[in-house]
Amino acid sequence: MKEIKLDCLDEICPIPLLKANKELERLRIGDILILHTNHSCSIANVVEWAKKHSYPVDYIEIGDGEWEIFIEKIK
């Protein structure tokens, strides 16, 4: 298992979602994608998308207005 960081700072939706989807296609099962964003709309969109596609997902606020979204590739 490895962790892959994806920098999506200052990118507005749907760019972070599109980048996350593309990166997940490249990952192996068990890998974790960590998406770094500073747009709160990305949290709603990416988390909703991940849940809809049955990916385990969580997020934390790492700074004032910055978040990391964790998505595990399970399929």
PDB file of N, CA and C in Angstrom:
ATOM      1  N   MET A   1       0.843  -1.181   0.000  1.00  0.00           N
ATOM      2  CA  MET A   1       0.000   0.000   0.000  1.00  0.00           C
ATOM      3  C   MET A   1       0.888   1.244   0.000  1.00  0.00           C
ATOM      4  N   LYS A   2       0.514   2.199  -0.822  1.00  0.00           N
ATOM      5  CA  LYS A   2       1.237   3.463  -0.803  1.00  0.00           C
ATOM      6  C   LYS A   2       0.245   4.611  -0.788  1.00  0.00           C
ATOM      7  N   GLU A   3       0.738   5.758  -0.370  1.00  0.00           N
ATOM      8  CA  GLU A   3      -0.069   6.973  -0.342  1.00  0.00           C
ATOM      9  C   GLU A   3       0.392   7.887  -1.468  1.00  0.00           C
ATOM     10  N   ILE A   4      -0.566   8.359  -2.237  1.00  0.00           N
ATOM     11  CA  ILE A   4      -0.296   9.265  -3.347  1.00  0.00           C
ATOM     12  C   ILE A   4      -0.951  10.600  -3.034  1.00  0.00           C
ATOM     13  N   LYS A   5      -0.163  11.679  -3.049  1.00  0.00           N
ATOM     14  CA  LYS A   5      -0.702  13.013  -2.781  1.00  0.00           C
ATOM     15  C   LYS A   5      -1.021  13.719  -4.089  1.00  0.00           C
ATOM     16  N   LEU A   6      -2.170  14.364  -4.112  1.00  0.00           N
ATOM     17  CA  LEU A   6      -2.635  15.088  -5.281  1.00  0.00           C
ATOM     18  C   LEU A   6      -2.907  16.527  -4.863  1.00  0.00           C
ATOM     19  N   ASP A   7      -2.140  17.454  -5.398  1.00  0.00           N
ATOM     20  CA  ASP A   7      -2.269  18.875  -5.059  1.00  0.00           C
ATOM     21  C   ASP A   7      -3.347  19.516  -5.913  1.00  0.00           C
ATOM     22  N   CYS A   8      -4.429  19.926  -5.277  1.00  0.00           N
ATOM     23  CA  CYS A   8      -5.525  20.593  -5.975  1.00  0.00           C
ATOM     24  C   CYS A   8      -5.791  21.977  -5.369  1.00  0.00           C
ATOM     25  N   LEU A   9      -4.768  22.567  -4.777  1.00  0.00           N
ATOM     26  CA  LEU A   9      -4.920  23.901  -4.203  1.00  0.00           C
ATOM     27  C   LEU A   9      -5.281  24.902  -5.297  1.00  0.00           C
ATOM     28  N   ASP A  10      -6.211  25.777  -4.970  1.00  0.00           N
ATOM     29  CA  ASP A  10      -6.669  26.851  -5.851  1.00  0.00           C
ATOM     30  C   ASP A  10      -7.366  26.352  -7.114  1.00  0.00           C
ATOM     31  N   GLU A  11      -7.758  25.096  -7.148  1.00  0.00           N
ATOM     32  CA  GLU A  11      -8.509  24.569  -8.283  1.00  0.00           C
ATOM     33  C   GLU A  11      -9.967  24.409  -7.880  1.00  0.00           C
ATOM     34  N   ILE A  12     -10.854  24.918  -8.712  1.00  0.00           N
ATOM     35  CA  ILE A  12     -12.277  24.865  -8.396  1.00  0.00           C
ATOM     36  C   ILE A  12     -12.919  23.642  -9.055  1.00  0.00           C
ATOM     37  N   CYS A  13     -14.054  23.265  -8.517  1.00  0.00           N
ATOM     38  CA  CYS A  13     -14.792  22.113  -9.041  1.00  0.00           C
ATOM     39  C   CYS A  13     -15.209  22.390 -10.481  1.00  0.00           C
ATOM     40  N   PRO A  14     -15.167  21.373 -11.284  1.00  0.00           N
ATOM     41  CA  PRO A  14     -14.987  19.952 -10.999  1.00  0.00           C
ATOM     42  C   PRO A  14     -13.553  19.449 -11.163  1.00  0.00           C
ATOM     43  N   ILE A  15     -12.582  20.324 -11.284  1.00  0.00           N
ATOM     44  CA  ILE A  15     -11.199  19.903 -11.550  1.00  0.00           C
ATOM     45  C   ILE A  15     -10.672  18.912 -10.504  1.00  0.00           C
ATOM     46  N   PRO A  16     -10.805  19.175  -9.179  1.00  0.00           N
ATOM     47  CA  PRO A  16     -10.299  18.194  -8.209  1.00  0.00           C
ATOM     48  C   PRO A  16     -10.958  16.818  -8.358  1.00  0.00           C
ATOM     49  N   LEU A  17     -12.246  16.799  -8.634  1.00  0.00           N
ATOM     50  CA  LEU A  17     -12.950  15.530  -8.814  1.00  0.00           C
ATOM     51  C   LEU A  17     -12.430  14.794 -10.043  1.00  0.00           C
ATOM     52  N   LEU A  18     -12.248  15.499 -11.136  1.00  0.00           N
ATOM     53  CA  LEU A  18     -11.740  14.881 -12.359  1.00  0.00           C
ATOM     54  C   LEU A  18     -10.327  14.337 -12.154  1.00  0.00           C
ATOM     55  N   LYS A  19      -9.484  15.107 -11.466  1.00  0.00           N
ATOM     56  CA  LYS A  19      -8.118  14.662 -11.196  1.00  0.00           C
ATOM     57  C   LYS A  19      -8.116  13.435 -10.282  1.00  0.00           C
ATOM     58  N   ALA A  20      -8.972  13.431  -9.258  1.00  0.00           N
ATOM     59  CA  ALA A  20      -9.051  12.296  -8.334  1.00  0.00           C
ATOM     60  C   ALA A  20      -9.486  11.039  -9.073  1.00  0.00           C
ATOM     61  N   ASN A  21     -10.493  11.163  -9.904  1.00  0.00           N
ATOM     62  CA  ASN A  21     -10.989  10.018 -10.668  1.00  0.00           C
ATOM     63  C   ASN A  21      -9.895   9.452 -11.563  1.00  0.00           C
ATOM     64  N   LYS A  22      -9.180  10.314 -12.255  1.00  0.00           N
ATOM     65  CA  LYS A  22      -8.110   9.880 -13.148  1.00  0.00           C
ATOM     66  C   LYS A  22      -6.976   9.201 -12.373  1.00  0.00           C
ATOM     67  N   GLU A  23      -6.611   9.778 -11.234  1.00  0.00           N
ATOM     68  CA  GLU A  23      -5.523   9.215 -10.429  1.00  0.00           C
ATOM     69  C   GLU A  23      -5.916   7.866  -9.836  1.00  0.00           C
ATOM     70  N   LEU A  24      -7.171   7.718  -9.397  1.00  0.00           N
ATOM     71  CA  LEU A  24      -7.620   6.448  -8.826  1.00  0.00           C
ATOM     72  C   LEU A  24      -7.529   5.323  -9.855  1.00  0.00           C
ATOM     73  N   GLU A  25      -7.728   5.628 -11.119  1.00  0.00           N
ATOM     74  CA  GLU A  25      -7.618   4.609 -12.164  1.00  0.00           C
ATOM     75  C   GLU A  25      -6.202   4.041 -12.222  1.00  0.00           C
ATOM     76  N   ARG A  26      -5.214   4.833 -11.890  1.00  0.00           N
ATOM     77  CA  ARG A  26      -3.811   4.417 -11.959  1.00  0.00           C
ATOM     78  C   ARG A  26      -3.351   3.640 -10.720  1.00  0.00           C
ATOM     79  N   LEU A  27      -4.047   3.827  -9.609  1.00  0.00           N
ATOM     80  CA  LEU A  27      -3.613   3.234  -8.344  1.00  0.00           C
ATOM     81  C   LEU A  27      -3.937   1.749  -8.269  1.00  0.00           C
ATOM     82  N   ARG A  28      -3.231   1.076  -7.371  1.00  0.00           N
ATOM     83  CA  ARG A  28      -3.499  -0.336  -7.099  1.00  0.00           C
ATOM     84  C   ARG A  28      -4.440  -0.453  -5.917  1.00  0.00           C
ATOM     85  N   ILE A  29      -5.095  -1.578  -5.825  1.00  0.00           N
ATOM     86  CA  ILE A  29      -6.000  -1.840  -4.711  1.00  0.00           C
ATOM     87  C   ILE A  29      -5.213  -1.736  -3.410  1.00  0.00           C
ATOM     88  N   GLY A  30      -5.764  -1.007  -2.456  1.00  0.00           N
ATOM     89  CA  GLY A  30      -5.130  -0.793  -1.159  1.00  0.00           C
ATOM     90  C   GLY A  30      -4.395   0.529  -1.057  1.00  0.00           C
ATOM     91  N   ASP A  31      -4.119   1.164  -2.202  1.00  0.00           N
ATOM     92  CA  ASP A  31      -3.464   2.475  -2.185  1.00  0.00           C
ATOM     93  C   ASP A  31      -4.421   3.549  -1.688  1.00  0.00           C
ATOM     94  N   ILE A  32      -3.858   4.613  -1.135  1.00  0.00           N
ATOM     95  CA  ILE A  32      -4.639   5.735  -0.613  1.00  0.00           C
ATOM     96  C   ILE A  32      -4.310   6.986  -1.422  1.00  0.00           C
ATOM     97  N   LEU A  33      -5.336   7.634  -1.916  1.00  0.00           N
ATOM     98  CA  LEU A  33      -5.184   8.922  -2.591  1.00  0.00           C
ATOM     99  C   LEU A  33      -5.472  10.015  -1.571  1.00  0.00           C
ATOM    100  N   ILE A  34      -4.554  10.967  -1.446  1.00  0.00           N
ATOM    101  CA  ILE A  34      -4.739  12.101  -0.541  1.00  0.00           C
ATOM    102  C   ILE A  34      -4.843  13.359  -1.398  1.00  0.00           C
ATOM    103  N   LEU A  35      -6.023  13.908  -1.445  1.00  0.00           N
ATOM    104  CA  LEU A  35      -6.288  15.095  -2.254  1.00  0.00           C
ATOM    105  C   LEU A  35      -6.225  16.327  -1.350  1.00  0.00           C
ATOM    106  N   HIS A  36      -5.348  17.246  -1.654  1.00  0.00           N
ATOM    107  CA  HIS A  36      -5.155  18.470  -0.873  1.00  0.00           C
ATOM    108  C   HIS A  36      -5.898  19.606  -1.578  1.00  0.00           C
ATOM    109  N   THR A  37      -6.836  20.238  -0.882  1.00  0.00           N
ATOM    110  CA  THR A  37      -7.655  21.276  -1.493  1.00  0.00           C
ATOM    111  C   THR A  37      -7.890  22.434  -0.536  1.00  0.00           C
ATOM    112  N   ASN A  38      -8.222  23.572  -1.094  1.00  0.00           N
ATOM    113  CA  ASN A  38      -8.624  24.714  -0.274  1.00  0.00           C
ATOM    114  C   ASN A  38      -9.970  25.275  -0.720  1.00  0.00           C
ATOM    115  N   HIS A  39     -10.740  24.442  -1.400  1.00  0.00           N
ATOM    116  CA  HIS A  39     -12.097  24.820  -1.800  1.00  0.00           C
ATOM    117  C   HIS A  39     -13.084  23.870  -1.138  1.00  0.00           C
ATOM    118  N   SER A  40     -13.942  24.402  -0.288  1.00  0.00           N
ATOM    119  CA  SER A  40     -14.873  23.552   0.462  1.00  0.00           C
ATOM    120  C   SER A  40     -15.837  22.799  -0.449  1.00  0.00           C
ATOM    121  N   CYS A  41     -16.132  23.338  -1.635  1.00  0.00           N
ATOM    122  CA  CYS A  41     -17.032  22.623  -2.543  1.00  0.00           C
ATOM    123  C   CYS A  41     -16.412  21.304  -2.995  1.00  0.00           C
ATOM    124  N   SER A  42     -15.089  21.231  -3.005  1.00  0.00           N
ATOM    125  CA  SER A  42     -14.412  19.987  -3.382  1.00  0.00           C
ATOM    126  C   SER A  42     -14.710  18.880  -2.381  1.00  0.00           C
ATOM    127  N   ILE A  43     -14.816  19.253  -1.122  1.00  0.00           N
ATOM    128  CA  ILE A  43     -15.115  18.246  -0.104  1.00  0.00           C
ATOM    129  C   ILE A  43     -16.462  17.608  -0.398  1.00  0.00           C
ATOM    130  N   ALA A  44     -17.474  18.422  -0.576  1.00  0.00           N
ATOM    131  CA  ALA A  44     -18.812  17.896  -0.841  1.00  0.00           C
ATOM    132  C   ALA A  44     -18.826  17.049  -2.107  1.00  0.00           C
ATOM    133  N   ASN A  45     -18.254  17.562  -3.180  1.00  0.00           N
ATOM    134  CA  ASN A  45     -18.307  16.850  -4.455  1.00  0.00           C
ATOM    135  C   ASN A  45     -17.486  15.569  -4.454  1.00  0.00           C
ATOM    136  N   VAL A  46     -16.262  15.633  -3.979  1.00  0.00           N
ATOM    137  CA  VAL A  46     -15.385  14.462  -4.010  1.00  0.00           C
ATOM    138  C   VAL A  46     -15.875  13.399  -3.031  1.00  0.00           C
ATOM    139  N   VAL A  47     -16.266  13.797  -1.834  1.00  0.00           N
ATOM    140  CA  VAL A  47     -16.748  12.830  -0.841  1.00  0.00           C
ATOM    141  C   VAL A  47     -18.032  12.159  -1.334  1.00  0.00           C
ATOM    142  N   GLU A  48     -18.947  12.936  -1.873  1.00  0.00           N
ATOM    143  CA  GLU A  48     -20.197  12.371  -2.399  1.00  0.00           C
ATOM    144  C   GLU A  48     -19.911  11.389  -3.538  1.00  0.00           C
ATOM    145  N   TRP A  49     -19.017  11.778  -4.445  1.00  0.00           N
ATOM    146  CA  TRP A  49     -18.664  10.913  -5.566  1.00  0.00           C
ATOM    147  C   TRP A  49     -18.027   9.607  -5.066  1.00  0.00           C
ATOM    148  N   ALA A  50     -17.108   9.714  -4.118  1.00  0.00           N
ATOM    149  CA  ALA A  50     -16.429   8.527  -3.592  1.00  0.00           C
ATOM    150  C   ALA A  50     -17.420   7.571  -2.926  1.00  0.00           C
ATOM    151  N   LYS A  51     -18.314   8.120  -2.126  1.00  0.00           N
ATOM    152  CA  LYS A  51     -19.317   7.278  -1.469  1.00  0.00           C
ATOM    153  C   LYS A  51     -20.224   6.613  -2.498  1.00  0.00           C
ATOM    154  N   LYS A  52     -20.614   7.359  -3.517  1.00  0.00           N
ATOM    155  CA  LYS A  52     -21.480   6.822  -4.575  1.00  0.00           C
ATOM    156  C   LYS A  52     -20.810   5.644  -5.278  1.00  0.00           C
ATOM    157  N   HIS A  53     -19.478   5.679  -5.381  1.00  0.00           N
ATOM    158  CA  HIS A  53     -18.743   4.615  -6.046  1.00  0.00           C
ATOM    159  C   HIS A  53     -18.141   3.612  -5.051  1.00  0.00           C
ATOM    160  N   SER A  54     -18.611   3.664  -3.815  1.00  0.00           N
ATOM    161  CA  SER A  54     -18.259   2.707  -2.754  1.00  0.00           C
ATOM    162  C   SER A  54     -16.792   2.738  -2.340  1.00  0.00           C
ATOM    163  N   TYR A  55     -16.127   3.880  -2.503  1.00  0.00           N
ATOM    164  CA  TYR A  55     -14.762   4.028  -2.010  1.00  0.00           C
ATOM    165  C   TYR A  55     -14.798   4.510  -0.566  1.00  0.00           C
ATOM    166  N   PRO A  56     -14.005   3.896   0.330  1.00  0.00           N
ATOM    167  CA  PRO A  56     -13.879   4.449   1.674  1.00  0.00           C
ATOM    168  C   PRO A  56     -13.258   5.848   1.565  1.00  0.00           C
ATOM    169  N   VAL A  57     -13.863   6.812   2.241  1.00  0.00           N
ATOM    170  CA  VAL A  57     -13.416   8.200   2.111  1.00  0.00           C
ATOM    171  C   VAL A  57     -13.544   8.901   3.457  1.00  0.00           C
ATOM    172  N   ASP A  58     -12.626   9.808   3.724  1.00  0.00           N
ATOM    173  CA  ASP A  58     -12.662  10.639   4.917  1.00  0.00           C
ATOM    174  C   ASP A  58     -11.898  11.916   4.606  1.00  0.00           C
ATOM    175  N   TYR A  59     -12.059  12.922   5.438  1.00  0.00           N
ATOM    176  CA  TYR A  59     -11.319  14.167   5.231  1.00  0.00           C
ATOM    177  C   TYR A  59     -11.057  14.845   6.567  1.00  0.00           C
ATOM    178  N   ILE A  60     -10.001  15.663   6.577  1.00  0.00           N
ATOM    179  CA  ILE A  60      -9.673  16.438   7.765  1.00  0.00           C
ATOM    180  C   ILE A  60      -9.275  17.843   7.339  1.00  0.00           C
ATOM    181  N   GLU A  61      -9.513  18.801   8.220  1.00  0.00           N
ATOM    182  CA  GLU A  61      -9.040  20.160   7.980  1.00  0.00           C
ATOM    183  C   GLU A  61      -7.621  20.236   8.541  1.00  0.00           C
ATOM    184  N   ILE A  62      -6.667  20.538   7.686  1.00  0.00           N
ATOM    185  CA  ILE A  62      -5.267  20.558   8.104  1.00  0.00           C
ATOM    186  C   ILE A  62      -4.769  21.961   8.405  1.00  0.00           C
ATOM    187  N   GLY A  63      -5.547  22.940   8.042  1.00  0.00           N
ATOM    188  CA  GLY A  63      -5.191  24.336   8.277  1.00  0.00           C
ATOM    189  C   GLY A  63      -6.428  25.178   8.052  1.00  0.00           C
ATOM    190  N   ASP A  64      -6.298  26.440   8.244  1.00  0.00           N
ATOM    191  CA  ASP A  64      -7.436  27.343   8.061  1.00  0.00           C
ATOM    192  C   ASP A  64      -7.839  27.362   6.589  1.00  0.00           C
ATOM    193  N   GLY A  65      -8.932  26.665   6.268  1.00  0.00           N
ATOM    194  CA  GLY A  65      -9.421  26.630   4.902  1.00  0.00           C
ATOM    195  C   GLY A  65      -8.688  25.669   3.987  1.00  0.00           C
ATOM    196  N   GLU A  66      -7.959  24.710   4.539  1.00  0.00           N
ATOM    197  CA  GLU A  66      -7.289  23.687   3.743  1.00  0.00           C
ATOM    198  C   GLU A  66      -7.652  22.313   4.288  1.00  0.00           C
ATOM    199  N   TRP A  67      -7.923  21.391   3.371  1.00  0.00           N
ATOM    200  CA  TRP A  67      -8.339  20.046   3.750  1.00  0.00           C
ATOM    201  C   TRP A  67      -7.552  19.003   2.983  1.00  0.00           C
ATOM    202  N   GLU A  68      -7.506  17.812   3.574  1.00  0.00           N
ATOM    203  CA  GLU A  68      -7.023  16.627   2.887  1.00  0.00           C
ATOM    204  C   GLU A  68      -8.164  15.624   2.863  1.00  0.00           C
ATOM    205  N   ILE A  69      -8.423  15.104   1.674  1.00  0.00           N
ATOM    206  CA  ILE A  69      -9.452  14.088   1.475  1.00  0.00           C
ATOM    207  C   ILE A  69      -8.725  12.768   1.195  1.00  0.00           C
ATOM    208  N   PHE A  70      -9.068  11.738   1.952  1.00  0.00           N
ATOM    209  CA  PHE A  70      -8.427  10.434   1.834  1.00  0.00           C
ATOM    210  C   PHE A  70      -9.403   9.466   1.161  1.00  0.00           C
ATOM    211  N   ILE A  71      -8.968   8.886   0.049  1.00  0.00           N
ATOM    212  CA  ILE A  71      -9.792   7.919  -0.675  1.00  0.00           C
ATOM    213  C   ILE A  71      -8.972   6.646  -0.838  1.00  0.00           C
ATOM    214  N   GLU A  72      -9.547   5.519  -0.396  1.00  0.00           N
ATOM    215  CA  GLU A  72      -8.858   4.246  -0.537  1.00  0.00           C
ATOM    216  C   GLU A  72      -9.370   3.516  -1.777  1.00  0.00           C
ATOM    217  N   LYS A  73      -8.437   3.044  -2.591  1.00  0.00           N
ATOM    218  CA  LYS A  73      -8.804   2.283  -3.776  1.00  0.00           C
ATOM    219  C   LYS A  73      -9.073   0.847  -3.331  1.00  0.00           C
ATOM    220  N   ILE A  74     -10.312   0.397  -3.508  1.00  0.00           N
ATOM    221  CA  ILE A  74     -10.673  -0.954  -3.077  1.00  0.00           C
ATOM    222  C   ILE A  74     -11.111  -1.839  -4.237  1.00  0.00           C
ATOM    223  N   LYS A  75     -11.205  -1.254  -5.421  1.00  0.00           N
ATOM    224  CA  LYS A  75     -11.640  -2.060  -6.580  1.00  0.00           C
ATOM    225  C   LYS A  75     -10.966  -1.595  -7.833  1.00  0.00           C
TER     226      LYS A  75
END
